């Protein structure tokens, strides 16, 4: 169940990022609001990229074996607060 929560966390962050991109591309926003959205978008982008890198490493661990056999090994993932909890204001 923890894996599902992590996947949902990634999906939520990615959806937020998509909404931010749409707003920045389609609306005439004040400079301050645009900057705030841009900063949030960068933070979400980094968060999503980190999660994708973690998944990639896990896949490499599953697929790697000297004999070509799939093998799994423990994979430690760092716990991070959800994207909405990191906001500095």
C-alpha atoms as a PDB file:
ATOM      1  CA  UNK A   1       0.000   0.000   0.000  1.00  0.00           C
ATOM      2  CA  UNK A   2       2.944   2.371   0.618  1.00  0.00           C
ATOM      3  CA  UNK A   3       3.962   2.014  -3.028  1.00  0.00           C
ATOM      4  CA  UNK A   4       0.485   3.077  -4.122  1.00  0.00           C
ATOM      5  CA  UNK A   5       0.656   6.161  -1.896  1.00  0.00           C
ATOM      6  CA  UNK A   6       4.024   7.062  -3.436  1.00  0.00           C
ATOM      7  CA  UNK A   7       2.594   6.655  -6.934  1.00  0.00           C
ATOM      8  CA  UNK A   8      -0.379   8.854  -6.018  1.00  0.00           C
ATOM      9  CA  UNK A   9       2.020  11.462  -4.610  1.00  0.00           C
ATOM     10  CA  UNK A  10       3.876  11.527  -7.940  1.00  0.00           C
ATOM     11  CA  UNK A  11       0.624  11.696  -9.921  1.00  0.00           C
ATOM     12  CA  UNK A  12      -0.684  14.602  -7.820  1.00  0.00           C
ATOM     13  CA  UNK A  13       2.575  16.525  -8.201  1.00  0.00           C
ATOM     14  CA  UNK A  14       2.635  15.905 -11.960  1.00  0.00           C
ATOM     15  CA  UNK A  15      -0.983  17.057 -12.330  1.00  0.00           C
ATOM     16  CA  UNK A  16      -0.209  20.221 -10.358  1.00  0.00           C
ATOM     17  CA  UNK A  17       2.779  20.839 -12.619  1.00  0.00           C
ATOM     18  CA  UNK A  18       0.625  20.450 -15.737  1.00  0.00           C
ATOM     19  CA  UNK A  19      -1.911  22.957 -14.377  1.00  0.00           C
ATOM     20  CA  UNK A  20       0.838  25.458 -13.627  1.00  0.00           C
ATOM     21  CA  UNK A  21       2.259  25.126 -17.143  1.00  0.00           C
ATOM     22  CA  UNK A  22      -1.208  25.637 -18.644  1.00  0.00           C
ATOM     23  CA  UNK A  23      -1.793  28.767 -16.554  1.00  0.00           C
ATOM     24  CA  UNK A  24       1.582  30.237 -17.419  1.00  0.00           C
ATOM     25  CA  UNK A  25       1.051  29.566 -21.122  1.00  0.00           C
ATOM     26  CA  UNK A  26      -2.558  30.689 -21.413  1.00  0.00           C
ATOM     27  CA  UNK A  27      -3.150  33.543 -18.977  1.00  0.00           C
ATOM     28  CA  UNK A  28      -2.011  37.122 -18.668  1.00  0.00           C
ATOM     29  CA  UNK A  29      -0.747  37.024 -15.099  1.00  0.00           C
ATOM     30  CA  UNK A  30       0.895  39.693 -12.965  1.00  0.00           C
ATOM     31  CA  UNK A  31       4.663  39.323 -12.748  1.00  0.00           C
ATOM     32  CA  UNK A  32       4.638  38.352  -9.063  1.00  0.00           C
ATOM     33  CA  UNK A  33       2.059  35.620  -9.621  1.00  0.00           C
ATOM     34  CA  UNK A  34       3.928  34.334 -12.667  1.00  0.00           C
ATOM     35  CA  UNK A  35       7.148  34.143 -10.664  1.00  0.00           C
ATOM     36  CA  UNK A  36       5.403  32.332  -7.816  1.00  0.00           C
ATOM     37  CA  UNK A  37       3.898  29.797 -10.234  1.00  0.00           C
ATOM     38  CA  UNK A  38       7.251  29.367 -11.978  1.00  0.00           C
ATOM     39  CA  UNK A  39       9.003  28.666  -8.653  1.00  0.00           C
ATOM     40  CA  UNK A  40       6.321  26.142  -7.685  1.00  0.00           C
ATOM     41  CA  UNK A  41       6.633  24.525 -11.107  1.00  0.00           C
ATOM     42  CA  UNK A  42      10.398  24.158 -10.750  1.00  0.00           C
ATOM     43  CA  UNK A  43       9.970  22.603  -7.297  1.00  0.00           C
ATOM     44  CA  UNK A  44       7.367  20.154  -8.602  1.00  0.00           C
ATOM     45  CA  UNK A  45       9.522  19.355 -11.620  1.00  0.00           C
ATOM     46  CA  UNK A  46      12.480  18.503  -9.382  1.00  0.00           C
ATOM     47  CA  UNK A  47      10.263  16.400  -7.123  1.00  0.00           C
ATOM     48  CA  UNK A  48       8.865  14.433 -10.087  1.00  0.00           C
ATOM     49  CA  UNK A  49      12.329  13.998 -11.591  1.00  0.00           C
ATOM     50  CA  UNK A  50      13.652  12.629  -8.299  1.00  0.00           C
ATOM     51  CA  UNK A  51      10.795  10.125  -8.081  1.00  0.00           C
ATOM     52  CA  UNK A  52      11.411   8.995 -11.659  1.00  0.00           C
ATOM     53  CA  UNK A  53      15.122   8.531 -10.923  1.00  0.00           C
ATOM     54  CA  UNK A  54      14.250   6.420  -7.863  1.00  0.00           C
ATOM     55  CA  UNK A  55      11.993   4.202  -9.970  1.00  0.00           C
ATOM     56  CA  UNK A  56      14.680   3.889 -12.636  1.00  0.00           C
ATOM     57  CA  UNK A  57      17.217   2.750 -10.016  1.00  0.00           C
ATOM     58  CA  UNK A  58      14.750   0.225  -8.645  1.00  0.00           C
ATOM     59  CA  UNK A  59      14.117  -1.174 -12.137  1.00  0.00           C
ATOM     60  CA  UNK A  60      17.864  -1.473 -12.687  1.00  0.00           C
ATOM     61  CA  UNK A  61      18.158  -3.442  -9.438  1.00  0.00           C
ATOM     62  CA  UNK A  62      15.341  -5.763 -10.487  1.00  0.00           C
ATOM     63  CA  UNK A  63      16.771  -6.395 -13.949  1.00  0.00           C
ATOM     64  CA  UNK A  64      20.451  -6.687 -13.030  1.00  0.00           C
ATOM     65  CA  UNK A  65      22.000 -10.095 -12.428  1.00  0.00           C
ATOM     66  CA  UNK A  66      25.284 -11.607 -13.568  1.00  0.00           C
ATOM     67  CA  UNK A  67      23.372 -14.547 -15.075  1.00  0.00           C
ATOM     68  CA  UNK A  68      20.720 -12.370 -16.688  1.00  0.00           C
ATOM     69  CA  UNK A  69      18.100 -13.513 -14.183  1.00  0.00           C
ATOM     70  CA  UNK A  70      15.780 -10.961 -12.595  1.00  0.00           C
ATOM     71  CA  UNK A  71      16.800 -10.335  -9.007  1.00  0.00           C
ATOM     72  CA  UNK A  72      15.354  -7.899  -6.505  1.00  0.00           C
ATOM     73  CA  UNK A  73      17.338  -6.218  -3.772  1.00  0.00           C
ATOM     74  CA  UNK A  74      16.230  -3.909  -0.974  1.00  0.00           C
ATOM     75  CA  UNK A  75      15.850  -0.377  -2.220  1.00  0.00           C
ATOM     76  CA  UNK A  76      15.856   2.477   0.254  1.00  0.00           C
ATOM     77  CA  UNK A  77      13.797   5.510  -0.702  1.00  0.00           C
ATOM     78  CA  UNK A  78      14.183   8.728   1.206  1.00  0.00           C
ATOM     79  CA  UNK A  79      11.007   9.987   2.801  1.00  0.00           C
ATOM     80  CA  UNK A  80      10.061  13.516   1.794  1.00  0.00           C
ATOM     81  CA  UNK A  81       7.110  15.693   2.675  1.00  0.00           C
ATOM     82  CA  UNK A  82       4.383  15.936   0.067  1.00  0.00           C
ATOM     83  CA  UNK A  83       4.857  18.786  -2.435  1.00  0.00           C
ATOM     84  CA  UNK A  84       2.263  21.042  -0.794  1.00  0.00           C
ATOM     85  CA  UNK A  85       3.986  20.753   2.612  1.00  0.00           C
ATOM     86  CA  UNK A  86       7.376  22.135   1.480  1.00  0.00           C
ATOM     87  CA  UNK A  87       6.168  25.566   0.478  1.00  0.00           C
ATOM     88  CA  UNK A  88       8.070  28.496   2.013  1.00  0.00           C
ATOM     89  CA  UNK A  89       5.961  31.558   2.578  1.00  0.00           C
END
